[in-house]
Amino acid sequence: MKASFALPLLFNLFAASGALAHPIAKIKTYGGYTLQPYTYEITVDSDGTVTAENTVGDYANPATSIVTNALIATLNPAIVKAIQDSIASAQTQELVPKNPEAPACVDAPITEYWAMNSARKPTTLLAKVENCQDYILNGYQGLQAIDLLKSLKALSIPVR
């Protein structure tokens, strides 16, 4: 095949396959009082793929971090659309305590629930758990996406 035909053929192959999958949401857990620093991330892609990445480090030698990846699930397209629609309905970026009267704690890990854009960058912090307090978007916006993401977190066990 001549090189002049290769580029258009390659472009047509990508165009025919549709858009490449990209992250739509991410859950990130980190911090807390632990023996080893760690970060646990769950990513939901636009094609329904749910993956986990667990990074465990060493305070004395951060360069020796161990990263483990795993496929957690593949979501039905209707669930992916529900997450995307719920994220799209969020019109605010103001987080408020879900229950301001709830007791707080210290040294617990922080969990953040993020909406992502096609450039693989976080765009909106949908919710977080910090100091044992739940924070959600004002007016309960995006709550369906948050509940679905929390269920994925509950179903997954940090991979080691």
Protein backbone atom coordinates (compact mmCIF):
# COMPACT_ATOMS: atom_id res chain seq x y z
CA MET A 1 0.00 0.00 0.00
CA LYS A 2 1.36 3.39 -0.91
CA ALA A 3 1.97 5.88 1.87
CA SER A 4 -0.38 8.39 0.23
CA PHE A 5 -3.31 6.00 0.86
CA ALA A 6 -2.32 5.04 4.40
CA LEU A 7 -3.21 8.31 6.14
CA PRO A 8 -6.77 8.62 4.71
CA LEU A 9 -7.36 4.93 5.42
CA LEU A 10 -6.19 5.34 9.00
CA PHE A 11 -8.40 8.42 9.46
CA ASN A 12 -11.42 6.56 8.06
CA LEU A 13 -10.73 3.65 10.41
CA PHE A 14 -10.85 5.98 13.45
CA ALA A 15 -13.90 7.83 12.13
CA ALA A 16 -15.76 4.57 11.53
CA SER A 17 -14.95 3.24 14.99
CA GLY A 18 -16.61 6.22 16.67
CA ALA A 19 -15.21 8.35 19.42
CA LEU A 20 -12.57 6.83 21.62
CA ALA A 21 -13.58 6.18 25.21
CA HIS A 22 -12.66 8.86 27.73
CA PRO A 23 -13.17 9.19 31.50
CA ILE A 24 -16.51 10.64 32.57
CA ALA A 25 -16.10 10.27 36.32
CA LYS A 26 -13.42 9.43 38.86
CA ILE A 27 -13.39 8.48 42.54
CA LYS A 28 -10.16 9.26 44.37
CA THR A 29 -9.38 8.13 47.93
CA TYR A 30 -6.18 9.22 49.63
CA GLY A 31 -4.65 10.41 52.87
CA GLY A 32 -5.59 9.51 56.37
CA TYR A 33 -3.36 8.18 59.07
CA THR A 34 -1.80 5.08 57.49
CA LEU A 35 1.40 3.09 57.72
CA GLN A 36 1.93 3.58 53.98
CA PRO A 37 0.77 6.50 51.81
CA TYR A 38 -1.72 5.37 49.20
CA THR A 39 -4.07 6.59 46.51
CA TYR A 40 -6.99 4.51 45.25
CA GLU A 41 -8.74 5.69 42.08
CA ILE A 42 -11.75 4.27 40.28
CA THR A 43 -12.41 5.61 36.79
CA VAL A 44 -15.62 5.27 34.75
CA ASP A 45 -15.09 5.61 31.00
CA SER A 46 -17.63 6.68 28.40
CA ASP A 47 -17.72 3.12 27.02
CA GLY A 48 -18.77 1.76 30.44
CA THR A 49 -15.37 0.40 31.45
CA VAL A 50 -14.69 0.78 35.18
CA THR A 51 -11.06 0.45 36.24
CA ALA A 52 -9.20 0.79 39.51
CA GLU A 53 -5.68 1.94 40.21
CA ASN A 54 -4.10 1.44 43.62
CA THR A 55 -0.82 3.19 44.42
CA VAL A 56 0.94 2.23 47.65
CA GLY A 57 4.04 4.12 48.62
CA ASP A 58 6.68 4.29 51.28
CA TYR A 59 7.20 7.42 53.40
CA ALA A 60 10.95 6.73 53.59
CA ASN A 61 11.38 6.10 49.85
CA PRO A 62 8.53 7.50 47.68
CA ALA A 63 10.25 6.27 44.50
CA THR A 64 9.40 2.67 45.44
CA SER A 65 5.63 3.10 45.03
CA ILE A 66 3.77 0.05 43.76
CA VAL A 67 0.94 0.64 41.27
CA THR A 68 -1.69 -2.04 40.64
CA ASN A 69 -4.46 -1.77 38.01
CA ALA A 70 -7.61 -3.85 37.63
CA LEU A 71 -10.78 -3.96 35.56
CA ILE A 72 -13.69 -3.65 38.01
CA ALA A 73 -16.76 -3.80 35.76
CA THR A 74 -18.33 -2.92 32.45
CA LEU A 75 -21.47 -0.83 32.85
CA ASN A 76 -24.60 -1.01 30.75
CA PRO A 77 -24.85 1.99 28.35
CA ALA A 78 -28.05 3.09 30.14
CA ILE A 79 -26.12 3.41 33.43
CA VAL A 80 -23.34 5.38 31.71
CA LYS A 81 -25.96 7.72 30.23
CA ALA A 82 -27.60 8.13 33.66
CA ILE A 83 -24.23 9.15 35.15
CA GLN A 84 -23.57 11.58 32.28
CA ASP A 85 -27.08 13.09 32.50
CA SER A 86 -26.83 13.50 36.27
CA ILE A 87 -23.44 15.20 35.95
CA ALA A 88 -24.78 17.47 33.18
CA SER A 89 -27.70 18.52 35.41
CA ALA A 90 -25.34 19.90 38.07
CA GLN A 91 -25.42 23.69 37.74
CA THR A 92 -23.37 24.60 40.78
CA GLN A 93 -19.90 23.87 42.08
CA GLU A 94 -20.64 24.74 45.70
CA LEU A 95 -20.21 21.81 48.10
CA VAL A 96 -22.20 21.90 51.32
CA PRO A 97 -22.30 19.49 54.27
CA LYS A 98 -24.96 16.83 53.72
CA ASN A 99 -25.59 16.77 57.46
CA PRO A 100 -24.03 19.76 59.24
CA GLU A 101 -24.92 18.20 62.62
CA ALA A 102 -22.94 14.99 61.99
CA PRO A 103 -19.88 14.44 64.17
CA ALA A 104 -16.48 14.93 62.58
CA CYS A 105 -13.35 12.82 62.96
CA VAL A 106 -9.65 13.11 62.20
CA ASP A 107 -7.08 10.97 60.38
CA ALA A 108 -9.66 9.40 58.05
CA PRO A 109 -8.98 9.16 54.32
CA ILE A 110 -10.49 11.71 51.94
CA THR A 111 -12.68 10.49 49.09
CA GLU A 112 -13.51 12.78 46.16
CA TYR A 113 -16.07 12.17 43.40
CA TRP A 114 -15.13 14.02 40.20
CA ALA A 115 -16.75 14.65 36.83
CA MET A 116 -14.17 14.43 34.04
CA ASN A 117 -13.97 15.96 30.57
CA SER A 118 -12.84 14.38 27.30
CA ALA A 119 -9.34 15.83 27.86
CA ARG A 120 -9.09 13.52 30.92
CA LYS A 121 -9.14 16.46 33.34
CA PRO A 122 -11.36 16.83 36.43
CA THR A 123 -14.03 19.48 35.86
CA THR A 124 -16.45 19.40 38.78
CA LEU A 125 -16.05 18.07 42.30
CA LEU A 126 -19.45 16.39 42.71
CA ALA A 127 -19.01 15.27 46.31
CA LYS A 128 -16.40 14.41 48.91
CA VAL A 129 -16.03 12.72 52.25
CA GLU A 130 -13.56 14.50 54.52
CA ASN A 131 -13.18 14.25 58.30
CA CYS A 132 -16.04 11.72 58.24
CA GLN A 133 -18.37 14.40 56.82
CA ASP A 134 -20.25 14.00 53.52
CA TYR A 135 -20.21 17.08 51.28
CA ILE A 136 -22.50 17.25 48.26
CA LEU A 137 -23.42 19.83 45.64
CA ASN A 138 -25.81 22.47 46.93
CA GLY A 139 -29.42 21.54 46.15
CA TYR A 140 -28.58 17.82 45.85
CA GLN A 141 -27.50 18.33 42.23
CA GLY A 142 -25.78 15.37 40.56
CA LEU A 143 -26.93 13.08 43.36
CA GLN A 144 -27.81 10.17 41.06
CA ALA A 145 -24.26 10.15 39.65
CA ILE A 146 -22.82 10.36 43.17
CA ASP A 147 -24.96 7.43 44.38
CA LEU A 148 -23.95 5.30 41.36
CA LEU A 149 -20.26 6.15 41.92
CA LYS A 150 -20.53 5.35 45.63
CA SER A 151 -22.02 1.95 44.77
CA LEU A 152 -19.04 1.23 42.48
CA LYS A 153 -16.67 2.18 45.30
CA ALA A 154 -18.55 -0.10 47.70
CA LEU A 155 -18.39 -3.01 45.24
CA SER A 156 -14.67 -2.68 44.62
CA ILE A 157 -11.94 -3.68 47.01
CA PRO A 158 -8.61 -1.88 46.67
CA VAL A 159 -6.46 -4.04 44.42
CA ARG A 160 -3.12 -5.10 45.87
